[in-house]
């Protein structure tokens, strides 16, 4: 089982100024165990929306995805238990180092110390 499998994932939203906006249009990818995966694209390409769907913050309007075998739509609680998501918009003190930020979120989520 691949840790992350995304098939046809899509998100359509309605914007009053622009009408229907296809934020993510049927994206497919897999992240295999031990692999480092980068999601690259221009501003507005749907990277953050994709990550928000995978972390169950947003509900997809199409397609499917699993995180460690848990379906993001059918098992959001199980997904959140095995996934960490740090958004750049999280309001933390800018004086925290990368390590301190990770340690903070690990403590908040009751992750055992290594």
PDB file of N, CA and C in Angstrom:
ATOM      1  N   UNK A   1       0.846  -1.179   0.000  1.00  0.00           N
ATOM      2  CA  UNK A   1       0.000   0.000   0.000  1.00  0.00           C
ATOM      3  C   UNK A   1       0.893   1.245   0.000  1.00  0.00           C
ATOM      4  N   UNK A   2       0.652   2.149  -0.918  1.00  0.00           N
ATOM      5  CA  UNK A   2       1.356   3.422  -0.950  1.00  0.00           C
ATOM      6  C   UNK A   2       0.775   4.337   0.119  1.00  0.00           C
ATOM      7  N   UNK A   3       1.638   5.103   0.821  1.00  0.00           N
ATOM      8  CA  UNK A   3       1.134   5.990   1.879  1.00  0.00           C
ATOM      9  C   UNK A   3       0.114   7.020   1.401  1.00  0.00           C
ATOM     10  N   UNK A   4       0.298   7.558   0.194  1.00  0.00           N
ATOM     11  CA  UNK A   4      -0.637   8.559  -0.332  1.00  0.00           C
ATOM     12  C   UNK A   4      -0.991   8.184  -1.769  1.00  0.00           C
ATOM     13  N   UNK A   5      -2.297   8.053  -2.025  1.00  0.00           N
ATOM     14  CA  UNK A   5      -2.774   7.759  -3.376  1.00  0.00           C
ATOM     15  C   UNK A   5      -3.891   8.754  -3.689  1.00  0.00           C
ATOM     16  N   UNK A   6      -3.725   9.493  -4.779  1.00  0.00           N
ATOM     17  CA  UNK A   6      -4.682  10.520  -5.188  1.00  0.00           C
ATOM     18  C   UNK A   6      -5.148  10.200  -6.598  1.00  0.00           C
ATOM     19  N   UNK A   7      -6.470  10.065  -6.772  1.00  0.00           N
ATOM     20  CA  UNK A   7      -7.034   9.702  -8.079  1.00  0.00           C
ATOM     21  C   UNK A   7      -8.154  10.668  -8.474  1.00  0.00           C
ATOM     22  N   UNK A   8      -7.887  11.467  -9.484  1.00  0.00           N
ATOM     23  CA  UNK A   8      -8.908  12.368 -10.015  1.00  0.00           C
ATOM     24  C   UNK A   8      -9.414  13.401  -9.029  1.00  0.00           C
ATOM     25  N   UNK A   9      -8.607  13.762  -8.044  1.00  0.00           N
ATOM     26  CA  UNK A   9      -9.043  14.692  -7.006  1.00  0.00           C
ATOM     27  C   UNK A   9      -9.370  16.054  -7.620  1.00  0.00           C
ATOM     28  N   UNK A  10     -10.515  16.602  -7.242  1.00  0.00           N
ATOM     29  CA  UNK A  10     -10.973  17.868  -7.818  1.00  0.00           C
ATOM     30  C   UNK A  10     -11.682  18.698  -6.765  1.00  0.00           C
ATOM     31  N   UNK A  11     -11.610  20.012  -6.950  1.00  0.00           N
ATOM     32  CA  UNK A  11     -12.327  20.939  -6.077  1.00  0.00           C
ATOM     33  C   UNK A  11     -12.811  22.104  -6.915  1.00  0.00           C
ATOM     34  N   UNK A  12     -14.109  22.302  -6.919  1.00  0.00           N
ATOM     35  CA  UNK A  12     -14.732  23.427  -7.595  1.00  0.00           C
ATOM     36  C   UNK A  12     -15.374  24.301  -6.532  1.00  0.00           C
ATOM     37  N   UNK A  13     -15.134  25.597  -6.623  1.00  0.00           N
ATOM     38  CA  UNK A  13     -15.714  26.547  -5.675  1.00  0.00           C
ATOM     39  C   UNK A  13     -16.451  27.628  -6.450  1.00  0.00           C
ATOM     40  N   UNK A  14     -17.298  28.352  -5.748  1.00  0.00           N
ATOM     41  CA  UNK A  14     -18.013  29.459  -6.390  1.00  0.00           C
ATOM     42  C   UNK A  14     -17.479  30.771  -5.842  1.00  0.00           C
ATOM     43  N   UNK A  15     -17.075  31.646  -6.733  1.00  0.00           N
ATOM     44  CA  UNK A  15     -16.589  32.972  -6.387  1.00  0.00           C
ATOM     45  C   UNK A  15     -17.567  33.979  -6.987  1.00  0.00           C
ATOM     46  N   UNK A  16     -18.034  34.920  -6.160  1.00  0.00           N
ATOM     47  CA  UNK A  16     -19.033  35.886  -6.651  1.00  0.00           C
ATOM     48  C   UNK A  16     -18.547  36.680  -7.846  1.00  0.00           C
ATOM     49  N   UNK A  17     -17.270  37.016  -7.873  1.00  0.00           N
ATOM     50  CA  UNK A  17     -16.736  37.824  -8.977  1.00  0.00           C
ATOM     51  C   UNK A  17     -16.477  36.987 -10.227  1.00  0.00           C
ATOM     52  N   UNK A  18     -16.000  35.750 -10.031  1.00  0.00           N
ATOM     53  CA  UNK A  18     -15.586  34.923 -11.175  1.00  0.00           C
ATOM     54  C   UNK A  18     -16.546  33.781 -11.502  1.00  0.00           C
ATOM     55  N   UNK A  19     -17.509  33.535 -10.631  1.00  0.00           N
ATOM     56  CA  UNK A  19     -18.411  32.408 -10.858  1.00  0.00           C
ATOM     57  C   UNK A  19     -17.772  31.105 -10.406  1.00  0.00           C
ATOM     58  N   UNK A  20     -18.047  30.046 -11.142  1.00  0.00           N
ATOM     59  CA  UNK A  20     -17.499  28.730 -10.793  1.00  0.00           C
ATOM     60  C   UNK A  20     -16.011  28.682 -11.105  1.00  0.00           C
ATOM     61  N   UNK A  21     -15.212  28.293 -10.117  1.00  0.00           N
ATOM     62  CA  UNK A  21     -13.758  28.223 -10.280  1.00  0.00           C
ATOM     63  C   UNK A  21     -13.309  26.790 -10.004  1.00  0.00           C
ATOM     64  N   UNK A  22     -12.618  26.206 -10.970  1.00  0.00           N
ATOM     65  CA  UNK A  22     -12.062  24.865 -10.793  1.00  0.00           C
ATOM     66  C   UNK A  22     -10.674  25.025 -10.172  1.00  0.00           C
ATOM     67  N   UNK A  23     -10.609  24.928  -8.846  1.00  0.00           N
ATOM     68  CA  UNK A  23      -9.356  25.142  -8.126  1.00  0.00           C
ATOM     69  C   UNK A  23      -8.388  23.988  -8.350  1.00  0.00           C
ATOM     70  N   UNK A  24      -8.914  22.777  -8.412  1.00  0.00           N
ATOM     71  CA  UNK A  24      -8.119  21.571  -8.693  1.00  0.00           C
ATOM     72  C   UNK A  24      -8.926  20.753  -9.688  1.00  0.00           C
ATOM     73  N   UNK A  25      -8.273  20.315 -10.775  1.00  0.00           N
ATOM     74  CA  UNK A  25      -8.991  19.629 -11.848  1.00  0.00           C
ATOM     75  C   UNK A  25      -8.464  18.213 -12.071  1.00  0.00           C
ATOM     76  N   UNK A  26      -8.926  17.263 -11.291  1.00  0.00           N
ATOM     77  CA  UNK A  26      -8.630  15.856 -11.553  1.00  0.00           C
ATOM     78  C   UNK A  26      -7.164  15.483 -11.435  1.00  0.00           C
ATOM     79  N   UNK A  27      -6.532  15.815 -10.327  1.00  0.00           N
ATOM     80  CA  UNK A  27      -5.113  15.524 -10.139  1.00  0.00           C
ATOM     81  C   UNK A  27      -4.912  14.065  -9.693  1.00  0.00           C
ATOM     82  N   UNK A  28      -3.878  13.424 -10.236  1.00  0.00           N
ATOM     83  CA  UNK A  28      -3.507  12.053  -9.880  1.00  0.00           C
ATOM     84  C   UNK A  28      -2.043  12.026  -9.469  1.00  0.00           C
ATOM     85  N   UNK A  29      -1.735  11.363  -8.348  1.00  0.00           N
ATOM     86  CA  UNK A  29      -0.345  11.093  -7.984  1.00  0.00           C
ATOM     87  C   UNK A  29      -0.296  10.089  -6.846  1.00  0.00           C
ATOM     88  N   UNK A  30       0.874   9.518  -6.653  1.00  0.00           N
ATOM     89  CA  UNK A  30       1.122   8.589  -5.549  1.00  0.00           C
ATOM     90  C   UNK A  30       2.420   8.988  -4.873  1.00  0.00           C
ATOM     91  N   UNK A  31       2.452   8.858  -3.569  1.00  0.00           N
ATOM     92  CA  UNK A  31       3.686   9.049  -2.800  1.00  0.00           C
ATOM     93  C   UNK A  31       4.017   7.692  -2.200  1.00  0.00           C
ATOM     94  N   UNK A  32       5.158   7.147  -2.571  1.00  0.00           N
ATOM     95  CA  UNK A  32       5.554   5.831  -2.089  1.00  0.00           C
ATOM     96  C   UNK A  32       6.368   5.944  -0.804  1.00  0.00           C
ATOM     97  N   UNK A  33       6.421   4.866  -0.054  1.00  0.00           N
ATOM     98  CA  UNK A  33       7.182   4.828   1.195  1.00  0.00           C
ATOM     99  C   UNK A  33       8.641   5.197   0.935  1.00  0.00           C
ATOM    100  N   UNK A  34       9.199   6.062   1.763  1.00  0.00           N
ATOM    101  CA  UNK A  34      10.589   6.467   1.645  1.00  0.00           C
ATOM    102  C   UNK A  34      10.859   7.517   0.588  1.00  0.00           C
ATOM    103  N   UNK A  35       9.833   7.972  -0.083  1.00  0.00           N
ATOM    104  CA  UNK A  35       9.970   8.920  -1.182  1.00  0.00           C
ATOM    105  C   UNK A  35       9.733  10.346  -0.679  1.00  0.00           C
ATOM    106  N   UNK A  36      10.476  11.279  -1.212  1.00  0.00           N
ATOM    107  CA  UNK A  36      10.217  12.694  -0.963  1.00  0.00           C
ATOM    108  C   UNK A  36       9.473  13.213  -2.181  1.00  0.00           C
ATOM    109  N   UNK A  37       8.318  13.800  -1.950  1.00  0.00           N
ATOM    110  CA  UNK A  37       7.442  14.213  -3.040  1.00  0.00           C
ATOM    111  C   UNK A  37       7.239  15.715  -2.975  1.00  0.00           C
ATOM    112  N   UNK A  38       7.422  16.393  -4.076  1.00  0.00           N
ATOM    113  CA  UNK A  38       7.203  17.830  -4.143  1.00  0.00           C
ATOM    114  C   UNK A  38       6.004  18.142  -5.017  1.00  0.00           C
ATOM    115  N   UNK A  39       5.185  19.054  -4.554  1.00  0.00           N
ATOM    116  CA  UNK A  39       4.021  19.495  -5.313  1.00  0.00           C
ATOM    117  C   UNK A  39       4.329  20.922  -5.773  1.00  0.00           C
ATOM    118  N   UNK A  40       4.635  21.060  -7.057  1.00  0.00           N
ATOM    119  CA  UNK A  40       5.081  22.341  -7.598  1.00  0.00           C
ATOM    120  C   UNK A  40       4.057  22.919  -8.560  1.00  0.00           C
ATOM    121  N   UNK A  41       3.988  24.236  -8.613  1.00  0.00           N
ATOM    122  CA  UNK A  41       3.103  24.887  -9.566  1.00  0.00           C
ATOM    123  C   UNK A  41       3.059  26.380  -9.312  1.00  0.00           C
ATOM    124  N   UNK A  42       2.565  27.097 -10.277  1.00  0.00           N
ATOM    125  CA  UNK A  42       2.448  28.550 -10.168  1.00  0.00           C
ATOM    126  C   UNK A  42       1.395  28.923  -9.124  1.00  0.00           C
ATOM    127  N   UNK A  43       1.420  30.180  -8.695  1.00  0.00           N
ATOM    128  CA  UNK A  43       0.375  30.669  -7.792  1.00  0.00           C
ATOM    129  C   UNK A  43      -0.989  30.416  -8.430  1.00  0.00           C
ATOM    130  N   UNK A  44      -1.912  29.894  -7.635  1.00  0.00           N
ATOM    131  CA  UNK A  44      -3.252  29.624  -8.143  1.00  0.00           C
ATOM    132  C   UNK A  44      -3.405  28.285  -8.833  1.00  0.00           C
ATOM    133  N   UNK A  45      -2.350  27.466  -8.834  1.00  0.00           N
ATOM    134  CA  UNK A  45      -2.404  26.171  -9.522  1.00  0.00           C
ATOM    135  C   UNK A  45      -3.181  25.118  -8.752  1.00  0.00           C
ATOM    136  N   UNK A  46      -3.439  25.347  -7.456  1.00  0.00           N
ATOM    137  CA  UNK A  46      -4.216  24.390  -6.668  1.00  0.00           C
ATOM    138  C   UNK A  46      -3.401  23.582  -5.667  1.00  0.00           C
ATOM    139  N   UNK A  47      -2.156  23.967  -5.421  1.00  0.00           N
ATOM    140  CA  UNK A  47      -1.301  23.221  -4.482  1.00  0.00           C
ATOM    141  C   UNK A  47      -1.881  23.238  -3.070  1.00  0.00           C
ATOM    142  N   UNK A  48      -2.175  24.417  -2.562  1.00  0.00           N
ATOM    143  CA  UNK A  48      -2.701  24.531  -1.205  1.00  0.00           C
ATOM    144  C   UNK A  48      -4.071  23.886  -1.095  1.00  0.00           C
ATOM    145  N   UNK A  49      -4.907  24.059  -2.086  1.00  0.00           N
ATOM    146  CA  UNK A  49      -6.227  23.433  -2.079  1.00  0.00           C
ATOM    147  C   UNK A  49      -6.086  21.912  -2.038  1.00  0.00           C
ATOM    148  N   UNK A  50      -5.152  21.364  -2.806  1.00  0.00           N
ATOM    149  CA  UNK A  50      -4.913  19.920  -2.792  1.00  0.00           C
ATOM    150  C   UNK A  50      -4.497  19.457  -1.397  1.00  0.00           C
ATOM    151  N   UNK A  51      -3.545  20.166  -0.791  1.00  0.00           N
ATOM    152  CA  UNK A  51      -3.090  19.793   0.548  1.00  0.00           C
ATOM    153  C   UNK A  51      -4.206  19.935   1.578  1.00  0.00           C
ATOM    154  N   UNK A  52      -5.038  20.928   1.436  1.00  0.00           N
ATOM    155  CA  UNK A  52      -6.170  21.098   2.363  1.00  0.00           C
ATOM    156  C   UNK A  52      -7.195  19.979   2.199  1.00  0.00           C
ATOM    157  N   UNK A  53      -7.367  19.491   0.987  1.00  0.00           N
ATOM    158  CA  UNK A  53      -8.254  18.337   0.797  1.00  0.00           C
ATOM    159  C   UNK A  53      -7.641  17.090   1.418  1.00  0.00           C
ATOM    160  N   UNK A  54      -6.341  16.871   1.177  1.00  0.00           N
ATOM    161  CA  UNK A  54      -5.681  15.684   1.731  1.00  0.00           C
ATOM    162  C   UNK A  54      -5.688  15.693   3.251  1.00  0.00           C
ATOM    163  N   UNK A  55      -5.641  16.859   3.855  1.00  0.00           N
ATOM    164  CA  UNK A  55      -5.641  16.947   5.311  1.00  0.00           C
ATOM    165  C   UNK A  55      -7.051  17.037   5.889  1.00  0.00           C
ATOM    166  N   UNK A  56      -8.063  16.922   5.057  1.00  0.00           N
ATOM    167  CA  UNK A  56      -9.492  16.912   5.398  1.00  0.00           C
ATOM    168  C   UNK A  56     -10.025  18.268   5.850  1.00  0.00           C
ATOM    169  N   UNK A  57      -9.279  19.338   5.586  1.00  0.00           N
ATOM    170  CA  UNK A  57      -9.771  20.686   5.898  1.00  0.00           C
ATOM    171  C   UNK A  57     -10.861  21.081   4.895  1.00  0.00           C
ATOM    172  N   UNK A  58     -10.674  20.675   3.635  1.00  0.00           N
ATOM    173  CA  UNK A  58     -11.666  20.900   2.576  1.00  0.00           C
ATOM    174  C   UNK A  58     -12.179  19.564   2.070  1.00  0.00           C
ATOM    175  N   UNK A  59     -13.433  19.538   1.650  1.00  0.00           N
ATOM    176  CA  UNK A  59     -14.026  18.336   1.068  1.00  0.00           C
ATOM    177  C   UNK A  59     -13.891  18.397  -0.451  1.00  0.00           C
ATOM    178  N   UNK A  60     -13.369  17.353  -1.072  1.00  0.00           N
ATOM    179  CA  UNK A  60     -13.260  17.345  -2.540  1.00  0.00           C
ATOM    180  C   UNK A  60     -14.639  17.349  -3.194  1.00  0.00           C
ATOM    181  N   UNK A  61     -14.726  17.903  -4.391  1.00  0.00           N
ATOM    182  CA  UNK A  61     -15.971  17.825  -5.157  1.00  0.00           C
ATOM    183  C   UNK A  61     -15.898  16.692  -6.181  1.00  0.00           C
ATOM    184  N   UNK A  62     -14.726  16.060  -6.287  1.00  0.00           N
ATOM    185  CA  UNK A  62     -14.577  14.928  -7.196  1.00  0.00           C
ATOM    186  C   UNK A  62     -13.318  14.142  -6.880  1.00  0.00           C
ATOM    187  N   UNK A  63     -13.289  12.921  -7.351  1.00  0.00           N
ATOM    188  CA  UNK A  63     -12.125  12.074  -7.174  1.00  0.00           C
ATOM    189  C   UNK A  63     -12.032  11.492  -5.782  1.00  0.00           C
ATOM    190  N   UNK A  64     -10.858  10.911  -5.493  1.00  0.00           N
ATOM    191  CA  UNK A  64     -10.657  10.278  -4.201  1.00  0.00           C
ATOM    192  C   UNK A  64      -9.187  10.335  -3.820  1.00  0.00           C
ATOM    193  N   UNK A  65      -8.931  10.093  -2.547  1.00  0.00           N
ATOM    194  CA  UNK A  65      -7.552  10.027  -2.060  1.00  0.00           C
ATOM    195  C   UNK A  65      -7.532   9.207  -0.784  1.00  0.00           C
ATOM    196  N   UNK A  66      -6.425   8.499  -0.581  1.00  0.00           N
ATOM    197  CA  UNK A  66      -6.231   7.763   0.658  1.00  0.00           C
ATOM    198  C   UNK A  66      -4.885   8.149   1.259  1.00  0.00           C
ATOM    199  N   UNK A  67      -4.872   8.207   2.582  1.00  0.00           N
ATOM    200  CA  UNK A  67      -3.662   8.453   3.356  1.00  0.00           C
ATOM    201  C   UNK A  67      -3.482   7.226   4.250  1.00  0.00           C
ATOM    202  N   UNK A  68      -2.408   6.477   4.025  1.00  0.00           N
ATOM    203  CA  UNK A  68      -2.142   5.235   4.762  1.00  0.00           C
ATOM    204  C   UNK A  68      -3.359   4.315   4.769  1.00  0.00           C
ATOM    205  N   UNK A  69      -4.034   4.248   3.625  1.00  0.00           N
ATOM    206  CA  UNK A  69      -5.178   3.366   3.464  1.00  0.00           C
ATOM    207  C   UNK A  69      -6.507   3.922   3.928  1.00  0.00           C
ATOM    208  N   UNK A  70      -6.520   5.127   4.475  1.00  0.00           N
ATOM    209  CA  UNK A  70      -7.755   5.745   4.961  1.00  0.00           C
ATOM    210  C   UNK A  70      -8.273   6.742   3.935  1.00  0.00           C
ATOM    211  N   UNK A  71      -9.524   6.590   3.549  1.00  0.00           N
ATOM    212  CA  UNK A  71     -10.145   7.480   2.585  1.00  0.00           C
ATOM    213  C   UNK A  71     -10.391   8.844   3.213  1.00  0.00           C
ATOM    214  N   UNK A  72      -9.960   9.912   2.531  1.00  0.00           N
ATOM    215  CA  UNK A  72     -10.071  11.251   3.112  1.00  0.00           C
ATOM    216  C   UNK A  72     -11.517  11.694   3.315  1.00  0.00           C
ATOM    217  N   UNK A  73     -12.442  11.210   2.495  1.00  0.00           N
ATOM    218  CA  UNK A  73     -13.846  11.602   2.624  1.00  0.00           C
ATOM    219  C   UNK A  73     -14.593  10.718   3.620  1.00  0.00           C
ATOM    220  N   UNK A  74     -14.332   9.419   3.589  1.00  0.00           N
ATOM    221  CA  UNK A  74     -15.067   8.477   4.435  1.00  0.00           C
ATOM    222  C   UNK A  74     -14.482   8.344   5.837  1.00  0.00           C
ATOM    223  N   UNK A  75     -13.168   8.606   5.994  1.00  0.00           N
ATOM    224  CA  UNK A  75     -12.509   8.402   7.284  1.00  0.00           C
ATOM    225  C   UNK A  75     -11.656   9.609   7.692  1.00  0.00           C
ATOM    226  N   UNK A  76     -12.238  10.803   7.749  1.00  0.00           N
ATOM    227  CA  UNK A  76     -11.430  11.984   8.034  1.00  0.00           C
ATOM    228  C   UNK A  76     -10.722  11.943   9.385  1.00  0.00           C
ATOM    229  N   UNK A  77     -11.348  11.386  10.399  1.00  0.00           N
ATOM    230  CA  UNK A  77     -10.705  11.314  11.719  1.00  0.00           C
ATOM    231  C   UNK A  77      -9.477  10.418  11.675  1.00  0.00           C
ATOM    232  N   UNK A  78      -9.576   9.282  11.006  1.00  0.00           N
ATOM    233  CA  UNK A  78      -8.430   8.376  10.879  1.00  0.00           C
ATOM    234  C   UNK A  78      -7.304   9.031  10.086  1.00  0.00           C
ATOM    235  N   UNK A  79      -7.666   9.792   9.053  1.00  0.00           N
ATOM    236  CA  UNK A  79      -6.654  10.507   8.260  1.00  0.00           C
ATOM    237  C   UNK A  79      -5.918  11.505   9.139  1.00  0.00           C
ATOM    238  N   UNK A  80      -6.664  12.292   9.913  1.00  0.00           N
ATOM    239  CA  UNK A  80      -6.041  13.318  10.754  1.00  0.00           C
ATOM    240  C   UNK A  80      -5.129  12.714  11.815  1.00  0.00           C
ATOM    241  N   UNK A  81      -5.433  11.491  12.260  1.00  0.00           N
ATOM    242  CA  UNK A  81      -4.590  10.832  13.264  1.00  0.00           C
ATOM    243  C   UNK A  81      -3.235  10.409  12.714  1.00  0.00           C
ATOM    244  N   UNK A  82      -3.119  10.250  11.408  1.00  0.00           N
ATOM    245  CA  UNK A  82      -1.851   9.773  10.848  1.00  0.00           C
ATOM    246  C   UNK A  82      -1.200  10.790   9.905  1.00  0.00           C
ATOM    247  N   UNK A  83      -1.649  12.030   9.981  1.00  0.00           N
ATOM    248  CA  UNK A  83      -1.133  13.045   9.073  1.00  0.00           C
ATOM    249  C   UNK A  83      -0.879  14.343   9.827  1.00  0.00           C
ATOM    250  N   UNK A  84       0.247  14.960   9.547  1.00  0.00           N
ATOM    251  CA  UNK A  84       0.524  16.286  10.081  1.00  0.00           C
ATOM    252  C   UNK A  84       0.467  17.286   8.943  1.00  0.00           C
ATOM    253  N   UNK A  85      -0.177  18.402   9.173  1.00  0.00           N
ATOM    254  CA  UNK A  85      -0.291  19.429   8.140  1.00  0.00           C
ATOM    255  C   UNK A  85       0.022  20.773   8.762  1.00  0.00           C
ATOM    256  N   UNK A  86       1.013  21.439   8.227  1.00  0.00           N
ATOM    257  CA  UNK A  86       1.415  22.763   8.704  1.00  0.00           C
ATOM    258  C   UNK A  86       1.254  23.738   7.553  1.00  0.00           C
ATOM    259  N   UNK A  87       0.344  24.655   7.701  1.00  0.00           N
ATOM    260  CA  UNK A  87       0.090  25.650   6.665  1.00  0.00           C
ATOM    261  C   UNK A  87       0.913  26.898   6.930  1.00  0.00           C
ATOM    262  N   UNK A  88       1.376  27.529   5.890  1.00  0.00           N
ATOM    263  CA  UNK A  88       2.151  28.761   6.038  1.00  0.00           C
ATOM    264  C   UNK A  88       1.330  29.859   6.696  1.00  0.00           C
ATOM    265  N   UNK A  89       0.012  29.726   6.675  1.00  0.00           N
ATOM    266  CA  UNK A  89      -0.834  30.755   7.269  1.00  0.00           C
ATOM    267  C   UNK A  89      -1.049  30.544   8.767  1.00  0.00           C
ATOM    268  N   UNK A  90      -0.452  29.491   9.349  1.00  0.00           N
ATOM    269  CA  UNK A  90      -0.577  29.279  10.782  1.00  0.00           C
ATOM    270  C   UNK A  90       0.116  30.431  11.506  1.00  0.00           C
ATOM    271  N   UNK A  91      -0.573  31.043  12.451  1.00  0.00           N
ATOM    272  CA  UNK A  91      -0.023  32.217  13.140  1.00  0.00           C
ATOM    273  C   UNK A  91       0.838  31.778  14.326  1.00  0.00           C
ATOM    274  N   UNK A  92       2.114  31.543  14.089  1.00  0.00           N
ATOM    275  CA  UNK A  92       3.065  31.226  15.146  1.00  0.00           C
ATOM    276  C   UNK A  92       4.086  32.340  15.228  1.00  0.00           C
ATOM    277  N   UNK A  93       4.711  32.431  16.371  1.00  0.00           N
ATOM    278  CA  UNK A  93       5.729  33.462  16.542  1.00  0.00           C
ATOM    279  C   UNK A  93       6.843  33.266  15.516  1.00  0.00           C
ATOM    280  N   UNK A  94       7.222  34.315  14.819  1.00  0.00           N
ATOM    281  CA  UNK A  94       8.265  34.197  13.795  1.00  0.00           C
ATOM    282  C   UNK A  94       9.624  33.834  14.373  1.00  0.00           C
ATOM    283  N   UNK A  95       9.793  33.949  15.684  1.00  0.00           N
ATOM    284  CA  UNK A  95      11.098  33.629  16.267  1.00  0.00           C
ATOM    285  C   UNK A  95      11.318  32.131  16.448  1.00  0.00           C
ATOM    286  N   UNK A  96      10.301  31.290  16.218  1.00  0.00           N
ATOM    287  CA  UNK A  96      10.481  29.844  16.326  1.00  0.00           C
ATOM    288  C   UNK A  96      11.312  29.332  15.154  1.00  0.00           C
ATOM    289  N   UNK A  97      12.241  28.445  15.450  1.00  0.00           N
ATOM    290  CA  UNK A  97      12.997  27.795  14.384  1.00  0.00           C
ATOM    291  C   UNK A  97      12.135  26.712  13.759  1.00  0.00           C
ATOM    292  N   UNK A  98      12.586  26.142  12.651  1.00  0.00           N
ATOM    293  CA  UNK A  98      11.851  25.041  12.020  1.00  0.00           C
ATOM    294  C   UNK A  98      11.706  23.880  13.002  1.00  0.00           C
ATOM    295  N   UNK A  99      12.792  23.536  13.694  1.00  0.00           N
ATOM    296  CA  UNK A  99      12.752  22.432  14.674  1.00  0.00           C
ATOM    297  C   UNK A  99      11.756  22.729  15.795  1.00  0.00           C
ATOM    298  N   UNK A 100      11.777  23.958  16.324  1.00  0.00           N
ATOM    299  CA  UNK A 100      10.858  24.322  17.402  1.00  0.00           C
ATOM    300  C   UNK A 100       9.400  24.253  16.938  1.00  0.00           C
ATOM    301  N   UNK A 101       9.148  24.641  15.704  1.00  0.00           N
ATOM    302  CA  UNK A 101       7.791  24.568  15.159  1.00  0.00           C
ATOM    303  C   UNK A 101       7.324  23.120  15.080  1.00  0.00           C
ATOM    304  N   UNK A 102       8.186  22.239  14.585  1.00  0.00           N
ATOM    305  CA  UNK A 102       7.837  20.817  14.495  1.00  0.00           C
ATOM    306  C   UNK A 102       7.618  20.237  15.889  1.00  0.00           C
ATOM    307  N   UNK A 103       8.507  20.574  16.819  1.00  0.00           N
ATOM    308  CA  UNK A 103       8.357  20.081  18.193  1.00  0.00           C
ATOM    309  C   UNK A 103       7.058  20.582  18.827  1.00  0.00           C
ATOM    310  N   UNK A 104       6.705  21.840  18.553  1.00  0.00           N
ATOM    311  CA  UNK A 104       5.459  22.396  19.071  1.00  0.00           C
ATOM    312  C   UNK A 104       4.258  21.584  18.586  1.00  0.00           C
ATOM    313  N   UNK A 105       4.184  21.366  17.263  1.00  0.00           N
ATOM    314  CA  UNK A 105       3.056  20.616  16.723  1.00  0.00           C
ATOM    315  C   UNK A 105       3.069  19.163  17.186  1.00  0.00           C
ATOM    316  N   UNK A 106       4.232  18.589  17.361  1.00  0.00           N
ATOM    317  CA  UNK A 106       4.318  17.211  17.867  1.00  0.00           C
ATOM    318  C   UNK A 106       3.739  17.134  19.274  1.00  0.00           C
ATOM    319  N   UNK A 107       4.088  18.093  20.128  1.00  0.00           N
ATOM    320  CA  UNK A 107       3.555  18.094  21.501  1.00  0.00           C
ATOM    321  C   UNK A 107       2.041  18.307  21.493  1.00  0.00           C
ATOM    322  N   UNK A 108       1.570  19.249  20.690  1.00  0.00           N
ATOM    323  CA  UNK A 108       0.133  19.523  20.621  1.00  0.00           C
ATOM    324  C   UNK A 108      -0.638  18.276  20.193  1.00  0.00           C
ATOM    325  N   UNK A 109      -0.035  17.483  19.308  1.00  0.00           N
ATOM    326  CA  UNK A 109      -0.699  16.280  18.790  1.00  0.00           C
ATOM    327  C   UNK A 109      -0.310  15.010  19.533  1.00  0.00           C
ATOM    328  N   UNK A 110       0.324  15.158  20.692  1.00  0.00           N
ATOM    329  CA  UNK A 110       0.675  14.024  21.565  1.00  0.00           C
ATOM    330  C   UNK A 110       1.559  12.987  20.872  1.00  0.00           C
ATOM    331  N   UNK A 111       2.460  13.451  20.028  1.00  0.00           N
ATOM    332  CA  UNK A 111       3.397  12.561  19.358  1.00  0.00           C
ATOM    333  C   UNK A 111       4.509  12.207  20.343  1.00  0.00           C
ATOM    334  N   UNK A 112       4.824  10.923  20.516  1.00  0.00           N
ATOM    335  CA  UNK A 112       5.887  10.544  21.447  1.00  0.00           C
ATOM    336  C   UNK A 112       7.233  11.120  21.018  1.00  0.00           C
ATOM    337  N   UNK A 113       8.062  11.487  21.991  1.00  0.00           N
ATOM    338  CA  UNK A 113       9.393  11.996  21.678  1.00  0.00           C
ATOM    339  C   UNK A 113      10.247  10.884  21.119  1.00  0.00           C
ATOM    340  N   UNK A 114      11.177  11.230  20.231  1.00  0.00           N
ATOM    341  CA  UNK A 114      12.074  10.236  19.628  1.00  0.00           C
ATOM    342  C   UNK A 114      13.373  10.209  20.398  1.00  0.00           C
TER     343      UNK A 114
END
